[in-house]
Full PDB file with SEQRES, HELIX, SHEET, SSBOND, CRYST1, ORIGX, SCALE, CONECT and MASTER records, all heavy atoms in Angstrom:
SEQRES   1 A   33  GLY ARG LEU VAL VAL THR GLY PRO ASN GLY ALA GLY LYS          
SEQRES   2 A   33  SER THR LEU LEU ASN ILE ALA ALA GLY GLU LEU HIS PRO          
SEQRES   3 A   33  ASP THR GLY SER THR ARG THR                                  
HELIX    1 AA1 LYS A   13  ALA A   20  1                                   8    
CRYST1    1.000    1.000    1.000  90.00  90.00  90.00 P 1           1          
ORIGX1      1.000000  0.000000  0.000000        0.00000                         
ORIGX2      0.000000  1.000000  0.000000        0.00000                         
ORIGX3      0.000000  0.000000  1.000000        0.00000                         
SCALE1      1.000000  0.000000  0.000000        0.00000                         
SCALE2      0.000000  1.000000  0.000000        0.00000                         
SCALE3      0.000000  0.000000  1.000000        0.00000                         
ATOM      1  N   GLY A   1      40.817 -92.809   7.633  1.00  0.00           N  
ATOM      2  CA  GLY A   1      40.649 -91.458   7.102  1.00  0.00           C  
ATOM      3  C   GLY A   1      39.857 -91.481   5.809  1.00  0.00           C  
ATOM      4  O   GLY A   1      39.906 -92.441   5.038  1.00  0.00           O  
ATOM      5  N   ARG A   2      39.125 -90.405   5.535  1.00  0.00           N  
ATOM      6  CA  ARG A   2      38.264 -90.323   4.359  1.00  0.00           C  
ATOM      7  C   ARG A   2      38.422 -88.949   3.707  1.00  0.00           C  
ATOM      8  O   ARG A   2      38.537 -87.938   4.389  1.00  0.00           O  
ATOM      9  CB  ARG A   2      36.777 -90.517   4.740  1.00  0.00           C  
ATOM     10  CG  ARG A   2      36.454 -91.854   5.413  1.00  0.00           C  
ATOM     11  CD  ARG A   2      36.518 -92.984   4.402  1.00  0.00           C  
ATOM     12  NE  ARG A   2      36.118 -94.270   4.940  1.00  0.00           N  
ATOM     13  CZ  ARG A   2      36.947 -95.185   5.401  1.00  0.00           C  
ATOM     14  NH1 ARG A   2      38.259 -94.927   5.428  1.00  0.00           N  
ATOM     15  NH2 ARG A   2      36.514 -96.351   5.838  1.00  0.00           N  
ATOM     16  N   LEU A   3      38.417 -88.919   2.364  1.00  0.00           N  
ATOM     17  CA  LEU A   3      38.467 -87.659   1.636  1.00  0.00           C  
ATOM     18  C   LEU A   3      37.803 -87.837   0.278  1.00  0.00           C  
ATOM     19  O   LEU A   3      38.072 -88.816  -0.425  1.00  0.00           O  
ATOM     20  CB  LEU A   3      39.920 -87.209   1.431  1.00  0.00           C  
ATOM     21  CG  LEU A   3      40.088 -85.833   0.765  1.00  0.00           C  
ATOM     22  CD1 LEU A   3      39.657 -84.717   1.717  1.00  0.00           C  
ATOM     23  CD2 LEU A   3      41.519 -85.607   0.303  1.00  0.00           C  
ATOM     24  N   VAL A   4      36.923 -86.902  -0.080  1.00  0.00           N  
ATOM     25  CA  VAL A   4      36.318 -86.857  -1.408  1.00  0.00           C  
ATOM     26  C   VAL A   4      36.916 -85.677  -2.159  1.00  0.00           C  
ATOM     27  O   VAL A   4      36.964 -84.558  -1.632  1.00  0.00           O  
ATOM     28  CB  VAL A   4      34.789 -86.684  -1.339  1.00  0.00           C  
ATOM     29  CG1 VAL A   4      34.196 -86.698  -2.747  1.00  0.00           C  
ATOM     30  CG2 VAL A   4      34.149 -87.767  -0.505  1.00  0.00           C  
ATOM     31  N   VAL A   5      37.381 -85.918  -3.382  1.00  0.00           N  
ATOM     32  CA  VAL A   5      37.925 -84.870  -4.241  1.00  0.00           C  
ATOM     33  C   VAL A   5      36.903 -84.592  -5.340  1.00  0.00           C  
ATOM     34  O   VAL A   5      36.543 -85.503  -6.100  1.00  0.00           O  
ATOM     35  CB  VAL A   5      39.274 -85.282  -4.859  1.00  0.00           C  
ATOM     36  CG1 VAL A   5      39.827 -84.164  -5.733  1.00  0.00           C  
ATOM     37  CG2 VAL A   5      40.274 -85.655  -3.764  1.00  0.00           C  
ATOM     38  N   THR A   6      36.429 -83.353  -5.403  1.00  0.00           N  
ATOM     39  CA  THR A   6      35.440 -82.977  -6.408  1.00  0.00           C  
ATOM     40  C   THR A   6      35.959 -81.782  -7.212  1.00  0.00           C  
ATOM     41  O   THR A   6      36.966 -81.172  -6.871  1.00  0.00           O  
ATOM     42  CB  THR A   6      34.095 -82.618  -5.762  1.00  0.00           C  
ATOM     43  OG1 THR A   6      34.288 -81.510  -4.856  1.00  0.00           O  
ATOM     44  CG2 THR A   6      33.517 -83.799  -4.985  1.00  0.00           C  
ATOM     45  N   GLY A   7      35.228 -81.451  -8.282  1.00  0.00           N  
ATOM     46  CA  GLY A   7      35.610 -80.338  -9.139  1.00  0.00           C  
ATOM     47  C   GLY A   7      35.285 -80.653 -10.587  1.00  0.00           C  
ATOM     48  O   GLY A   7      35.059 -81.819 -10.943  1.00  0.00           O  
ATOM     49  N   PRO A   8      35.247 -79.644 -11.437  1.00  0.00           N  
ATOM     50  CA  PRO A   8      34.909 -79.864 -12.847  1.00  0.00           C  
ATOM     51  C   PRO A   8      35.996 -80.634 -13.578  1.00  0.00           C  
ATOM     52  O   PRO A   8      37.123 -80.777 -13.086  1.00  0.00           O  
ATOM     53  CB  PRO A   8      34.771 -78.438 -13.394  1.00  0.00           C  
ATOM     54  CG  PRO A   8      35.627 -77.598 -12.492  1.00  0.00           C  
ATOM     55  CD  PRO A   8      35.538 -78.222 -11.141  1.00  0.00           C  
ATOM     56  N   ASN A   9      35.659 -81.138 -14.750  1.00  0.00           N  
ATOM     57  CA  ASN A   9      36.654 -81.802 -15.593  1.00  0.00           C  
ATOM     58  C   ASN A   9      37.808 -80.855 -15.870  1.00  0.00           C  
ATOM     59  O   ASN A   9      37.600 -79.666 -16.149  1.00  0.00           O  
ATOM     60  CB  ASN A   9      36.025 -82.243 -16.918  1.00  0.00           C  
ATOM     61  CG  ASN A   9      35.120 -83.445 -16.753  1.00  0.00           C  
ATOM     62  OD1 ASN A   9      35.309 -84.249 -15.851  1.00  0.00           O  
ATOM     63  ND2 ASN A   9      34.131 -83.565 -17.617  1.00  0.00           N  
ATOM     64  N   GLY A  10      39.015 -81.360 -15.798  1.00  0.00           N  
ATOM     65  CA  GLY A  10      40.189 -80.539 -16.062  1.00  0.00           C  
ATOM     66  C   GLY A  10      40.709 -79.778 -14.857  1.00  0.00           C  
ATOM     67  O   GLY A  10      41.705 -79.061 -14.956  1.00  0.00           O  
ATOM     68  N   ALA A  11      40.050 -79.943 -13.695  1.00  0.00           N  
ATOM     69  CA  ALA A  11      40.492 -79.204 -12.506  1.00  0.00           C  
ATOM     70  C   ALA A  11      41.711 -79.845 -11.853  1.00  0.00           C  
ATOM     71  O   ALA A  11      42.387 -79.208 -11.045  1.00  0.00           O  
ATOM     72  CB  ALA A  11      39.354 -79.102 -11.497  1.00  0.00           C  
ATOM     73  N   GLY A  12      41.995 -81.108 -12.183  1.00  0.00           N  
ATOM     74  CA  GLY A  12      43.198 -81.741 -11.656  1.00  0.00           C  
ATOM     75  C   GLY A  12      42.950 -82.870 -10.672  1.00  0.00           C  
ATOM     76  O   GLY A  12      43.858 -83.259  -9.934  1.00  0.00           O  
ATOM     77  N   LYS A  13      41.735 -83.438 -10.692  1.00  0.00           N  
ATOM     78  CA  LYS A  13      41.422 -84.513  -9.732  1.00  0.00           C  
ATOM     79  C   LYS A  13      42.318 -85.739  -9.965  1.00  0.00           C  
ATOM     80  O   LYS A  13      42.911 -86.271  -9.022  1.00  0.00           O  
ATOM     81  CB  LYS A  13      39.939 -84.896  -9.841  1.00  0.00           C  
ATOM     82  CG  LYS A  13      38.980 -83.756  -9.530  1.00  0.00           C  
ATOM     83  CD  LYS A  13      37.537 -84.201  -9.508  1.00  0.00           C  
ATOM     84  CE  LYS A  13      37.044 -84.723 -10.851  1.00  0.00           C  
ATOM     85  NZ  LYS A  13      37.071 -83.675 -11.905  1.00  0.00           N  
ATOM     86  N   SER A  14      42.411 -86.188 -11.212  1.00  0.00           N  
ATOM     87  CA  SER A  14      43.266 -87.346 -11.504  1.00  0.00           C  
ATOM     88  C   SER A  14      44.732 -87.013 -11.248  1.00  0.00           C  
ATOM     89  O   SER A  14      45.498 -87.863 -10.770  1.00  0.00           O  
ATOM     90  CB  SER A  14      43.069 -87.805 -12.953  1.00  0.00           C  
ATOM     91  OG  SER A  14      41.773 -88.328 -13.148  1.00  0.00           O  
ATOM     92  N   THR A  15      45.127 -85.784 -11.540  1.00  0.00           N  
ATOM     93  CA  THR A  15      46.495 -85.354 -11.270  1.00  0.00           C  
ATOM     94  C   THR A  15      46.804 -85.461  -9.784  1.00  0.00           C  
ATOM     95  O   THR A  15      47.859 -85.971  -9.389  1.00  0.00           O  
ATOM     96  CB  THR A  15      46.705 -83.904 -11.752  1.00  0.00           C  
ATOM     97  OG1 THR A  15      46.541 -83.846 -13.170  1.00  0.00           O  
ATOM     98  CG2 THR A  15      48.096 -83.393 -11.389  1.00  0.00           C  
ATOM     99  N   LEU A  16      45.877 -85.011  -8.945  1.00  0.00           N  
ATOM    100  CA  LEU A  16      46.088 -85.068  -7.498  1.00  0.00           C  
ATOM    101  C   LEU A  16      46.227 -86.512  -7.029  1.00  0.00           C  
ATOM    102  O   LEU A  16      47.105 -86.830  -6.208  1.00  0.00           O  
ATOM    103  CB  LEU A  16      44.924 -84.382  -6.777  1.00  0.00           C  
ATOM    104  CG  LEU A  16      44.986 -84.392  -5.248  1.00  0.00           C  
ATOM    105  CD1 LEU A  16      46.245 -83.704  -4.744  1.00  0.00           C  
ATOM    106  CD2 LEU A  16      43.740 -83.726  -4.658  1.00  0.00           C  
ATOM    107  N   LEU A  17      45.404 -87.413  -7.540  1.00  0.00           N  
ATOM    108  CA  LEU A  17      45.504 -88.809  -7.126  1.00  0.00           C  
ATOM    109  C   LEU A  17      46.802 -89.444  -7.609  1.00  0.00           C  
ATOM    110  O   LEU A  17      47.398 -90.267  -6.907  1.00  0.00           O  
ATOM    111  CB  LEU A  17      44.295 -89.605  -7.617  1.00  0.00           C  
ATOM    112  CG  LEU A  17      43.168 -89.737  -6.570  1.00  0.00           C  
ATOM    113  CD1 LEU A  17      42.541 -88.372  -6.274  1.00  0.00           C  
ATOM    114  CD2 LEU A  17      42.085 -90.706  -7.027  1.00  0.00           C  
ATOM    115  N   ASN A  18      47.255 -89.064  -8.805  1.00  0.00           N  
ATOM    116  CA  ASN A  18      48.543 -89.568  -9.300  1.00  0.00           C  
ATOM    117  C   ASN A  18      49.695 -89.095  -8.425  1.00  0.00           C  
ATOM    118  O   ASN A  18      50.648 -89.845  -8.184  1.00  0.00           O  
ATOM    119  CB  ASN A  18      48.762 -89.134 -10.752  1.00  0.00           C  
ATOM    120  CG  ASN A  18      48.164 -90.090 -11.756  1.00  0.00           C  
ATOM    121  OD1 ASN A  18      48.742 -91.120 -12.083  1.00  0.00           O  
ATOM    122  ND2 ASN A  18      46.980 -89.758 -12.259  1.00  0.00           N  
ATOM    123  N   ILE A  19      49.614 -87.859  -7.944  1.00  0.00           N  
ATOM    124  CA  ILE A  19      50.640 -87.352  -7.024  1.00  0.00           C  
ATOM    125  C   ILE A  19      50.594 -88.120  -5.716  1.00  0.00           C  
ATOM    126  O   ILE A  19      51.627 -88.556  -5.195  1.00  0.00           O  
ATOM    127  CB  ILE A  19      50.429 -85.840  -6.771  1.00  0.00           C  
ATOM    128  CG1 ILE A  19      50.708 -85.030  -8.046  1.00  0.00           C  
ATOM    129  CG2 ILE A  19      51.324 -85.354  -5.635  1.00  0.00           C  
ATOM    130  CD1 ILE A  19      50.314 -83.566  -7.944  1.00  0.00           C  
ATOM    131  N   ALA A  20      49.389 -88.318  -5.184  1.00  0.00           N  
ATOM    132  CA  ALA A  20      49.234 -89.034  -3.915  1.00  0.00           C  
ATOM    133  C   ALA A  20      49.771 -90.457  -4.013  1.00  0.00           C  
ATOM    134  O   ALA A  20      50.322 -90.993  -3.049  1.00  0.00           O  
ATOM    135  CB  ALA A  20      47.765 -89.047  -3.494  1.00  0.00           C  
ATOM    136  N   ALA A  21      49.613 -91.065  -5.198  1.00  0.00           N  
ATOM    137  CA  ALA A  21      50.093 -92.436  -5.411  1.00  0.00           C  
ATOM    138  C   ALA A  21      51.594 -92.502  -5.612  1.00  0.00           C  
ATOM    139  O   ALA A  21      52.163 -93.605  -5.684  1.00  0.00           O  
ATOM    140  CB  ALA A  21      49.379 -93.046  -6.620  1.00  0.00           C  
ATOM    141  N   GLY A  22      52.245 -91.357  -5.752  1.00  0.00           N  
ATOM    142  CA  GLY A  22      53.681 -91.340  -5.981  1.00  0.00           C  
ATOM    143  C   GLY A  22      54.063 -91.571  -7.428  1.00  0.00           C  
ATOM    144  O   GLY A  22      55.226 -91.833  -7.743  1.00  0.00           O  
ATOM    145  N   GLU A  23      53.096 -91.452  -8.333  1.00  0.00           N  
ATOM    146  CA  GLU A  23      53.358 -91.705  -9.746  1.00  0.00           C  
ATOM    147  C   GLU A  23      53.602 -90.424 -10.543  1.00  0.00           C  
ATOM    148  O   GLU A  23      53.961 -90.492 -11.713  1.00  0.00           O  
ATOM    149  CB  GLU A  23      52.194 -92.484 -10.358  1.00  0.00           C  
ATOM    150  CG  GLU A  23      52.026 -93.860  -9.737  1.00  0.00           C  
ATOM    151  CD  GLU A  23      51.018 -94.728 -10.448  1.00  0.00           C  
ATOM    152  OE1 GLU A  23      50.409 -94.244 -11.434  1.00  0.00           O  
ATOM    153  OE2 GLU A  23      50.836 -95.881 -10.032  1.00  0.00           O  
ATOM    154  N   LEU A  24      53.410 -89.280  -9.907  1.00  0.00           N  
ATOM    155  CA  LEU A  24      53.652 -87.996 -10.563  1.00  0.00           C  
ATOM    156  C   LEU A  24      54.313 -87.072  -9.557  1.00  0.00           C  
ATOM    157  O   LEU A  24      53.843 -86.949  -8.417  1.00  0.00           O  
ATOM    158  CB  LEU A  24      52.329 -87.395 -11.056  1.00  0.00           C  
ATOM    159  CG  LEU A  24      52.396 -86.011 -11.705  1.00  0.00           C  
ATOM    160  CD1 LEU A  24      53.201 -86.052 -12.999  1.00  0.00           C  
ATOM    161  CD2 LEU A  24      50.989 -85.478 -11.971  1.00  0.00           C  
ATOM    162  N   HIS A  25      55.414 -86.436  -9.973  1.00  0.00           N  
ATOM    163  CA  HIS A  25      56.127 -85.535  -9.075  1.00  0.00           C  
ATOM    164  C   HIS A  25      55.542 -84.129  -9.208  1.00  0.00           C  
ATOM    165  O   HIS A  25      55.462 -83.589 -10.318  1.00  0.00           O  
ATOM    166  CB  HIS A  25      57.624 -85.510  -9.404  1.00  0.00           C  
ATOM    167  CG  HIS A  25      58.444 -84.793  -8.386  1.00  0.00           C  
ATOM    168  ND1 HIS A  25      58.713 -85.326  -7.137  1.00  0.00           N  
ATOM    169  CD2 HIS A  25      59.026 -83.563  -8.409  1.00  0.00           C  
ATOM    170  CE1 HIS A  25      59.438 -84.463  -6.449  1.00  0.00           C  
ATOM    171  NE2 HIS A  25      59.642 -83.393  -7.194  1.00  0.00           N  
ATOM    172  N   PRO A  26      55.103 -83.512  -8.107  1.00  0.00           N  
ATOM    173  CA  PRO A  26      54.515 -82.172  -8.200  1.00  0.00           C  
ATOM    174  C   PRO A  26      55.572 -81.099  -8.449  1.00  0.00           C  
ATOM    175  O   PRO A  26      56.747 -81.280  -8.126  1.00  0.00           O  
ATOM    176  CB  PRO A  26      53.864 -81.990  -6.834  1.00  0.00           C  
ATOM    177  CG  PRO A  26      54.697 -82.824  -5.906  1.00  0.00           C  
ATOM    178  CD  PRO A  26      55.127 -84.019  -6.716  1.00  0.00           C  
ATOM    179  N   ASP A  27      55.128 -79.990  -9.021  1.00  0.00           N  
ATOM    180  CA  ASP A  27      56.035 -78.849  -9.207  1.00  0.00           C  
ATOM    181  C   ASP A  27      56.290 -78.130  -7.892  1.00  0.00           C  
ATOM    182  O   ASP A  27      57.356 -77.553  -7.688  1.00  0.00           O  
ATOM    183  CB  ASP A  27      55.454 -77.874 -10.242  1.00  0.00           C  
ATOM    184  CG  ASP A  27      55.444 -78.463 -11.637  1.00  0.00           C  
ATOM    185  OD1 ASP A  27      56.400 -79.195 -11.978  1.00  0.00           O  
ATOM    186  OD2 ASP A  27      54.486 -78.212 -12.388  1.00  0.00           O  
ATOM    187  N   THR A  28      55.303 -78.128  -7.015  1.00  0.00           N  
ATOM    188  CA  THR A  28      55.491 -77.584  -5.662  1.00  0.00           C  
ATOM    189  C   THR A  28      54.974 -78.613  -4.665  1.00  0.00           C  
ATOM    190  O   THR A  28      54.134 -79.443  -4.981  1.00  0.00           O  
ATOM    191  CB  THR A  28      54.715 -76.268  -5.451  1.00  0.00           C  
ATOM    192  OG1 THR A  28      53.298 -76.545  -5.457  1.00  0.00           O  
ATOM    193  CG2 THR A  28      55.034 -75.257  -6.537  1.00  0.00           C  
ATOM    194  N   GLY A  29      55.500 -78.531  -3.444  1.00  0.00           N  
ATOM    195  CA  GLY A  29      55.006 -79.379  -2.379  1.00  0.00           C  
ATOM    196  C   GLY A  29      55.604 -80.780  -2.398  1.00  0.00           C  
ATOM    197  O   GLY A  29      56.512 -81.094  -3.175  1.00  0.00           O  
ATOM    198  N   SER A  30      55.061 -81.631  -1.527  1.00  0.00           N  
ATOM    199  CA  SER A  30      55.608 -82.974  -1.368  1.00  0.00           C  
ATOM    200  C   SER A  30      54.550 -83.916  -0.810  1.00  0.00           C  
ATOM    201  O   SER A  30      53.507 -83.478  -0.315  1.00  0.00           O  
ATOM    202  CB  SER A  30      56.806 -82.940  -0.414  1.00  0.00           C  
ATOM    203  OG  SER A  30      56.394 -82.487   0.872  1.00  0.00           O  
ATOM    204  N   THR A  31      54.830 -85.218  -0.917  1.00  0.00           N  
ATOM    205  CA  THR A  31      53.974 -86.233  -0.303  1.00  0.00           C  
ATOM    206  C   THR A  31      54.843 -87.141   0.559  1.00  0.00           C  
ATOM    207  O   THR A  31      56.029 -87.325   0.280  1.00  0.00           O  
ATOM    208  CB  THR A  31      53.251 -87.099  -1.365  1.00  0.00           C  
ATOM    209  OG1 THR A  31      54.230 -87.831  -2.118  1.00  0.00           O  
ATOM    210  CG2 THR A  31      52.429 -86.228  -2.304  1.00  0.00           C  
ATOM    211  N   ARG A  32      54.235 -87.716   1.592  1.00  0.00           N  
ATOM    212  CA  ARG A  32      54.969 -88.627   2.472  1.00  0.00           C  
ATOM    213  C   ARG A  32      54.065 -89.788   2.860  1.00  0.00           C  
ATOM    214  O   ARG A  32      52.881 -89.590   3.169  1.00  0.00           O  
ATOM    215  CB  ARG A  32      55.443 -87.907   3.740  1.00  0.00           C  
ATOM    216  CG  ARG A  32      56.518 -86.873   3.514  1.00  0.00           C  
ATOM    217  CD  ARG A  32      57.059 -86.329   4.833  1.00  0.00           C  
ATOM    218  NE  ARG A  32      56.017 -85.718   5.649  1.00  0.00           N  
ATOM    219  CZ  ARG A  32      55.564 -84.482   5.471  1.00  0.00           C  
ATOM    220  NH1 ARG A  32      56.054 -83.729   4.493  1.00  0.00           N  
ATOM    221  NH2 ARG A  32      54.633 -83.993   6.264  1.00  0.00           N  
ATOM    222  N   THR A  33      54.620 -90.990   2.837  1.00  0.00           N  
ATOM    223  CA  THR A  33      53.950 -92.169   3.376  1.00  0.00           C  
ATOM    224  C   THR A  33      54.968 -92.953   4.186  1.00  0.00           C  
ATOM    225  O   THR A  33      56.138 -93.034   3.793  1.00  0.00           O  
ATOM    226  CB  THR A  33      53.388 -93.089   2.268  1.00  0.00           C  
ATOM    227  OG1 THR A  33      54.449 -93.446   1.371  1.00  0.00           O  
ATOM    228  CG2 THR A  33      52.287 -92.404   1.484  1.00  0.00           C  
TER     229      THR A  33                                                      
MASTER        0    0    0    1    0    0    0    6  228    1    0    3          
END                                                                             
């Protein structure tokens, strides 16, 4: 699988990757591996 995350600085790209890695708990939603 492939995915590119784009957007301006401050849009939350690093935040999204931290959530995906399981290192940050989101306020809404969930992740599963």
